[in-house]
Amino acid sequence: MIFELGFVGFLFTGYAFMDTMAAITAGAMAERWRWNSFVSWGLFSGPVCSPLFRAWTWGGRWLSQLGNNV
C-alpha cells in the first residue's frame, strides 16, 4: 500500500526540509523582495531545487560522497 507509515513519514520529512529551505531564503530577503519574487522563489525552490538537492545528498550521488576521499 502506498500510504504506509514509513512512506508518509518520508513525505512529511521532505516537505519540512523543502519548507525550511524556502523560508530561510525568503526570510533573509524579506525586505528586499516584492511579492512576485516570493511566489517565483516558492515555485522554483519546491519542485526544482529541493528534489535536486535531496537526490544529490541523500540519493548517494556526488554531494554525499564529497568528503569521503579527504
N, C-alpha and C. Protein backbone atom coordinates (compact mmCIF):
# COMPACT_ATOMS: atom_id res chain seq x y z
N MET A 1 0.84 -1.18 0.00
CA MET A 1 0.00 0.00 0.00
C MET A 1 0.88 1.24 0.00
N ILE A 2 0.46 2.25 -0.75
CA ILE A 2 1.29 3.43 -0.94
C ILE A 2 1.35 4.30 0.32
N PHE A 3 0.32 4.27 1.15
CA PHE A 3 0.30 5.13 2.33
C PHE A 3 0.73 4.38 3.57
N GLU A 4 1.84 3.72 3.48
CA GLU A 4 2.39 3.07 4.66
C GLU A 4 2.99 4.15 5.57
N LEU A 5 3.22 3.80 6.80
CA LEU A 5 3.69 4.78 7.77
C LEU A 5 5.06 5.34 7.38
N GLY A 6 5.96 4.50 6.90
CA GLY A 6 7.29 4.97 6.50
C GLY A 6 7.25 5.91 5.32
N PHE A 7 6.38 5.62 4.37
CA PHE A 7 6.26 6.47 3.19
C PHE A 7 5.69 7.84 3.55
N VAL A 8 4.68 7.86 4.38
CA VAL A 8 4.08 9.13 4.80
C VAL A 8 5.08 9.93 5.62
N GLY A 9 5.84 9.27 6.47
CA GLY A 9 6.88 9.97 7.23
C GLY A 9 7.95 10.55 6.32
N PHE A 10 8.31 9.82 5.28
CA PHE A 10 9.28 10.31 4.31
C PHE A 10 8.75 11.54 3.59
N LEU A 11 7.46 11.54 3.22
CA LEU A 11 6.87 12.69 2.56
C LEU A 11 6.85 13.91 3.48
N PHE A 12 6.47 13.72 4.74
CA PHE A 12 6.44 14.84 5.67
C PHE A 12 7.83 15.38 5.96
N THR A 13 8.82 14.50 6.03
CA THR A 13 10.19 14.95 6.23
C THR A 13 10.68 15.77 5.04
N GLY A 14 10.39 15.29 3.85
CA GLY A 14 10.77 16.05 2.65
C GLY A 14 10.07 17.39 2.58
N TYR A 15 8.79 17.41 2.96
CA TYR A 15 8.06 18.67 2.97
C TYR A 15 8.66 19.64 4.00
N ALA A 16 9.04 19.14 5.16
CA ALA A 16 9.60 20.02 6.18
C ALA A 16 10.93 20.62 5.73
N PHE A 17 11.77 19.81 5.10
CA PHE A 17 13.05 20.34 4.60
C PHE A 17 12.83 21.33 3.48
N MET A 18 11.87 21.05 2.58
CA MET A 18 11.59 21.97 1.49
C MET A 18 11.05 23.29 2.03
N ASP A 19 10.17 23.22 2.99
CA ASP A 19 9.60 24.42 3.57
C ASP A 19 10.66 25.24 4.30
N THR A 20 11.54 24.56 5.01
CA THR A 20 12.62 25.26 5.71
C THR A 20 13.57 25.94 4.74
N MET A 21 13.90 25.26 3.65
CA MET A 21 14.79 25.86 2.65
C MET A 21 14.19 27.12 2.07
N ALA A 22 12.91 27.08 1.73
CA ALA A 22 12.25 28.26 1.16
C ALA A 22 12.10 29.36 2.20
N ALA A 23 11.83 29.00 3.45
CA ALA A 23 11.61 30.01 4.49
C ALA A 23 12.90 30.72 4.88
N ILE A 24 14.00 30.01 4.94
CA ILE A 24 15.27 30.65 5.30
C ILE A 24 15.67 31.66 4.24
N THR A 25 15.57 31.27 2.99
CA THR A 25 15.93 32.19 1.91
C THR A 25 14.97 33.36 1.85
N ALA A 26 13.69 33.11 1.96
CA ALA A 26 12.72 34.19 1.91
C ALA A 26 12.85 35.11 3.12
N GLY A 27 13.17 34.57 4.27
CA GLY A 27 13.36 35.41 5.45
C GLY A 27 14.59 36.29 5.35
N ALA A 28 15.62 35.78 4.71
CA ALA A 28 16.82 36.58 4.53
C ALA A 28 16.61 37.73 3.55
N MET A 29 15.71 37.53 2.62
CA MET A 29 15.47 38.56 1.59
C MET A 29 14.13 39.27 1.79
N ALA A 30 13.56 39.21 2.98
CA ALA A 30 12.19 39.68 3.21
C ALA A 30 11.99 41.15 2.86
N GLU A 31 12.91 42.01 3.21
CA GLU A 31 12.71 43.43 2.94
C GLU A 31 13.18 43.84 1.56
N ARG A 32 13.81 42.95 0.83
CA ARG A 32 14.37 43.30 -0.46
C ARG A 32 13.54 42.80 -1.64
N TRP A 33 12.66 41.83 -1.39
CA TRP A 33 11.88 41.23 -2.46
C TRP A 33 10.47 41.80 -2.50
N ARG A 34 9.88 41.70 -3.67
CA ARG A 34 8.46 42.01 -3.82
C ARG A 34 7.68 40.71 -3.78
N TRP A 35 6.36 40.81 -3.80
CA TRP A 35 5.51 39.63 -3.70
C TRP A 35 5.75 38.67 -4.86
N ASN A 36 5.95 39.16 -6.06
CA ASN A 36 6.19 38.30 -7.21
C ASN A 36 7.47 37.49 -7.04
N SER A 37 8.45 38.06 -6.41
CA SER A 37 9.70 37.34 -6.17
C SER A 37 9.50 36.21 -5.17
N PHE A 38 8.70 36.45 -4.13
CA PHE A 38 8.39 35.40 -3.16
C PHE A 38 7.69 34.23 -3.85
N VAL A 39 6.71 34.54 -4.67
CA VAL A 39 5.96 33.49 -5.37
C VAL A 39 6.87 32.75 -6.33
N SER A 40 7.69 33.48 -7.06
CA SER A 40 8.62 32.84 -8.01
C SER A 40 9.60 31.93 -7.28
N TRP A 41 10.13 32.38 -6.16
CA TRP A 41 11.06 31.54 -5.41
C TRP A 41 10.37 30.29 -4.86
N GLY A 42 9.16 30.44 -4.40
CA GLY A 42 8.42 29.29 -3.90
C GLY A 42 8.14 28.28 -4.99
N LEU A 43 7.79 28.74 -6.17
CA LEU A 43 7.52 27.84 -7.28
C LEU A 43 8.80 27.21 -7.84
N PHE A 44 9.92 27.88 -7.67
CA PHE A 44 11.19 27.32 -8.13
C PHE A 44 11.83 26.41 -7.10
N SER A 45 11.81 26.79 -5.85
CA SER A 45 12.52 26.01 -4.83
C SER A 45 11.82 24.70 -4.52
N GLY A 46 10.51 24.68 -4.57
CA GLY A 46 9.77 23.46 -4.25
C GLY A 46 10.00 22.34 -5.26
N PRO A 47 9.61 22.52 -6.51
CA PRO A 47 9.73 21.42 -7.47
C PRO A 47 11.09 21.28 -8.13
N VAL A 48 11.98 22.28 -8.03
CA VAL A 48 13.27 22.19 -8.74
C VAL A 48 14.44 22.02 -7.78
N CYS A 49 14.66 22.99 -6.90
CA CYS A 49 15.84 22.98 -6.02
C CYS A 49 15.80 21.85 -5.00
N SER A 50 14.69 21.71 -4.33
CA SER A 50 14.62 20.74 -3.25
C SER A 50 14.80 19.30 -3.72
N PRO A 51 14.12 18.84 -4.78
CA PRO A 51 14.36 17.46 -5.22
C PRO A 51 15.78 17.22 -5.72
N LEU A 52 16.37 18.20 -6.40
CA LEU A 52 17.74 18.03 -6.86
C LEU A 52 18.71 17.91 -5.69
N PHE A 53 18.58 18.79 -4.73
CA PHE A 53 19.48 18.75 -3.58
C PHE A 53 19.30 17.47 -2.79
N ARG A 54 18.05 17.04 -2.59
CA ARG A 54 17.82 15.80 -1.84
C ARG A 54 18.36 14.59 -2.59
N ALA A 55 18.23 14.57 -3.92
CA ALA A 55 18.76 13.44 -4.69
C ALA A 55 20.28 13.43 -4.65
N TRP A 56 20.90 14.60 -4.74
CA TRP A 56 22.35 14.67 -4.71
C TRP A 56 22.90 14.30 -3.33
N THR A 57 22.17 14.65 -2.27
CA THR A 57 22.67 14.43 -0.92
C THR A 57 22.27 13.07 -0.38
N TRP A 58 20.98 12.77 -0.37
CA TRP A 58 20.51 11.53 0.24
C TRP A 58 20.42 10.39 -0.75
N GLY A 59 20.55 10.67 -2.03
CA GLY A 59 20.43 9.63 -3.04
C GLY A 59 21.74 8.90 -3.29
N GLY A 60 22.80 9.27 -2.59
CA GLY A 60 24.09 8.62 -2.75
C GLY A 60 24.91 9.15 -3.90
N ARG A 61 24.54 10.30 -4.41
CA ARG A 61 25.26 10.85 -5.54
C ARG A 61 26.45 11.69 -5.07
N TRP A 62 26.94 12.57 -5.91
CA TRP A 62 28.22 13.24 -5.72
C TRP A 62 28.29 14.09 -4.45
N LEU A 63 27.21 14.71 -4.04
CA LEU A 63 27.27 15.58 -2.87
C LEU A 63 27.40 14.78 -1.57
N SER A 64 26.86 13.59 -1.55
CA SER A 64 27.01 12.76 -0.34
C SER A 64 28.39 12.13 -0.26
N GLN A 65 29.09 12.02 -1.38
CA GLN A 65 30.41 11.43 -1.43
C GLN A 65 31.52 12.49 -1.34
N LEU A 66 31.16 13.73 -1.11
CA LEU A 66 32.11 14.84 -1.24
C LEU A 66 33.29 14.75 -0.28
N GLY A 67 33.11 14.37 0.96
CA GLY A 67 34.21 14.38 1.93
C GLY A 67 34.82 13.01 2.18
N ASN A 68 34.49 12.01 1.42
CA ASN A 68 34.97 10.67 1.69
C ASN A 68 36.44 10.46 1.31
N ASN A 69 36.96 11.21 0.38
CA ASN A 69 38.33 10.98 -0.09
C ASN A 69 39.36 11.90 0.54
N VAL A 70 38.96 12.66 1.53
CA VAL A 70 39.89 13.60 2.15
C VAL A 70 40.74 12.89 3.17
